[in-house]
Amino acid sequence: MTACAITPTLSSSTAELAWLFQHKLGENLDDANMHYKQEWSKEMAVVFGKKTPDLEELIHPQTADQTTAPAARREIQKWTQRS
């Protein structure tokens, strides 16, 4: 059973979310687009732990830390947002 079979509105919600993301961050159609992009950049800096992600490291992690660090950062971010 697929997620779409369980929640038939999921694909509609996903499409709406994708459109919203593209409208706010992917283009300059929204007057506050630079604000959204700056905030997104801050969030991604937390997730990646630095300003510029090493894509090769993310695609092909070589060490245990490189393998587990992204998941650990996501968990830390979840807990810090709750408080």
C-alpha atoms as a PDB file:
ATOM      1  CA  MET A   1       0.000   0.000   0.000  1.00  0.00           C
ATOM      2  CA  THR A   2       1.397   3.412  -0.912  1.00  0.00           C
ATOM      3  CA  ALA A   3       1.189   6.674   0.965  1.00  0.00           C
ATOM      4  CA  CYS A   4      -1.051   8.049  -1.783  1.00  0.00           C
ATOM      5  CA  ALA A   5      -3.479   5.171  -1.312  1.00  0.00           C
ATOM      6  CA  ILE A   6      -3.650   5.894   2.413  1.00  0.00           C
ATOM      7  CA  THR A   7      -3.940   9.675   1.988  1.00  0.00           C
ATOM      8  CA  PRO A   8      -5.317  10.466  -1.466  1.00  0.00           C
ATOM      9  CA  THR A   9      -4.925  14.215  -0.901  1.00  0.00           C
ATOM     10  CA  LEU A  10      -1.191  13.818  -0.320  1.00  0.00           C
ATOM     11  CA  SER A  11      -0.217  14.388  -3.936  1.00  0.00           C
ATOM     12  CA  SER A  12      -2.351  17.533  -4.059  1.00  0.00           C
ATOM     13  CA  SER A  13      -0.828  18.808  -0.821  1.00  0.00           C
ATOM     14  CA  THR A  14       2.672  17.974  -2.055  1.00  0.00           C
ATOM     15  CA  ALA A  15       2.077  19.844  -5.294  1.00  0.00           C
ATOM     16  CA  GLU A  16       0.770  22.865  -3.405  1.00  0.00           C
ATOM     17  CA  LEU A  17       3.762  22.819  -1.078  1.00  0.00           C
ATOM     18  CA  ALA A  18       6.155  22.540  -4.045  1.00  0.00           C
ATOM     19  CA  TRP A  19       4.449  25.445  -5.775  1.00  0.00           C
ATOM     20  CA  LEU A  20       4.635  27.547  -2.610  1.00  0.00           C
ATOM     21  CA  PHE A  21       8.323  26.763  -2.146  1.00  0.00           C
ATOM     22  CA  GLN A  22       9.102  27.621  -5.777  1.00  0.00           C
ATOM     23  CA  HIS A  23       7.060  30.823  -5.617  1.00  0.00           C
ATOM     24  CA  LYS A  24       8.684  32.048  -2.391  1.00  0.00           C
ATOM     25  CA  LEU A  25      12.271  30.846  -2.897  1.00  0.00           C
ATOM     26  CA  GLY A  26      12.778  29.794  -6.492  1.00  0.00           C
ATOM     27  CA  GLU A  27      11.743  32.998  -8.169  1.00  0.00           C
ATOM     28  CA  ASN A  28      11.546  36.696  -7.382  1.00  0.00           C
ATOM     29  CA  LEU A  29       7.768  36.839  -7.717  1.00  0.00           C
ATOM     30  CA  ASP A  30       7.158  37.515  -4.038  1.00  0.00           C
ATOM     31  CA  ASP A  31       8.115  40.930  -2.669  1.00  0.00           C
ATOM     32  CA  ALA A  32       9.795  39.300   0.342  1.00  0.00           C
ATOM     33  CA  ASN A  33      11.729  36.709  -1.678  1.00  0.00           C
ATOM     34  CA  MET A  34      15.146  37.888  -0.469  1.00  0.00           C
ATOM     35  CA  HIS A  35      14.008  37.602   3.152  1.00  0.00           C
ATOM     36  CA  TYR A  36      12.802  34.033   2.553  1.00  0.00           C
ATOM     37  CA  LYS A  37      16.063  33.131   0.812  1.00  0.00           C
ATOM     38  CA  GLN A  38      18.149  34.550   3.661  1.00  0.00           C
ATOM     39  CA  GLU A  39      16.133  32.646   6.254  1.00  0.00           C
ATOM     40  CA  TRP A  40      16.363  29.435   4.207  1.00  0.00           C
ATOM     41  CA  SER A  41      20.116  29.945   3.943  1.00  0.00           C
ATOM     42  CA  LYS A  42      20.378  30.236   7.747  1.00  0.00           C
ATOM     43  CA  GLU A  43      18.364  27.042   8.202  1.00  0.00           C
ATOM     44  CA  MET A  44      20.508  25.154   5.714  1.00  0.00           C
ATOM     45  CA  ALA A  45      23.704  26.408   7.388  1.00  0.00           C
ATOM     46  CA  VAL A  46      22.463  24.732  10.586  1.00  0.00           C
ATOM     47  CA  VAL A  47      21.616  21.511   8.762  1.00  0.00           C
ATOM     48  CA  PHE A  48      24.932  21.356   6.910  1.00  0.00           C
ATOM     49  CA  GLY A  49      26.968  22.742   9.797  1.00  0.00           C
ATOM     50  CA  LYS A  50      28.786  25.192   7.545  1.00  0.00           C
ATOM     51  CA  LYS A  51      28.054  27.788   4.885  1.00  0.00           C
ATOM     52  CA  THR A  52      28.799  25.679   1.813  1.00  0.00           C
ATOM     53  CA  PRO A  53      27.852  21.991   1.768  1.00  0.00           C
ATOM     54  CA  ASP A  54      30.458  19.564   0.462  1.00  0.00           C
ATOM     55  CA  LEU A  55      28.266  17.756  -2.055  1.00  0.00           C
ATOM     56  CA  GLU A  56      30.828  15.019  -2.657  1.00  0.00           C
ATOM     57  CA  GLU A  57      30.925  14.305   1.092  1.00  0.00           C
ATOM     58  CA  LEU A  58      27.123  14.183   1.243  1.00  0.00           C
ATOM     59  CA  ILE A  59      26.841  11.879  -1.757  1.00  0.00           C
ATOM     60  CA  HIS A  60      29.745   9.588  -0.786  1.00  0.00           C
ATOM     61  CA  PRO A  61      30.398   9.815   2.980  1.00  0.00           C
ATOM     62  CA  GLN A  62      33.776   8.286   3.912  1.00  0.00           C
ATOM     63  CA  THR A  63      33.693   8.355   7.718  1.00  0.00           C
ATOM     64  CA  ALA A  64      31.186   7.424  10.372  1.00  0.00           C
ATOM     65  CA  ASP A  65      30.833  11.103  11.305  1.00  0.00           C
ATOM     66  CA  GLN A  66      30.054  12.079   7.718  1.00  0.00           C
ATOM     67  CA  THR A  67      27.422   9.338   7.620  1.00  0.00           C
ATOM     68  CA  THR A  68      25.703  10.171  10.909  1.00  0.00           C
ATOM     69  CA  ALA A  69      26.239  13.947  11.212  1.00  0.00           C
ATOM     70  CA  PRO A  70      23.334  15.058   8.971  1.00  0.00           C
ATOM     71  CA  ALA A  71      20.813  12.923  10.885  1.00  0.00           C
ATOM     72  CA  ALA A  72      22.204  14.127  14.222  1.00  0.00           C
ATOM     73  CA  ARG A  73      21.929  17.758  13.126  1.00  0.00           C
ATOM     74  CA  ARG A  74      18.303  17.217  12.101  1.00  0.00           C
ATOM     75  CA  GLU A  75      17.515  15.714  15.519  1.00  0.00           C
ATOM     76  CA  ILE A  76      19.232  18.591  17.313  1.00  0.00           C
ATOM     77  CA  GLN A  77      17.308  21.074  15.221  1.00  0.00           C
ATOM     78  CA  LYS A  78      13.999  19.340  16.022  1.00  0.00           C
ATOM     79  CA  TRP A  79      14.684  19.532  19.759  1.00  0.00           C
ATOM     80  CA  THR A  80      15.870  23.138  19.707  1.00  0.00           C
ATOM     81  CA  GLN A  81      12.773  24.233  17.815  1.00  0.00           C
ATOM     82  CA  ARG A  82      10.504  22.683  20.460  1.00  0.00           C
ATOM     83  CA  SER A  83      11.893  24.746  23.310  1.00  0.00           C
END
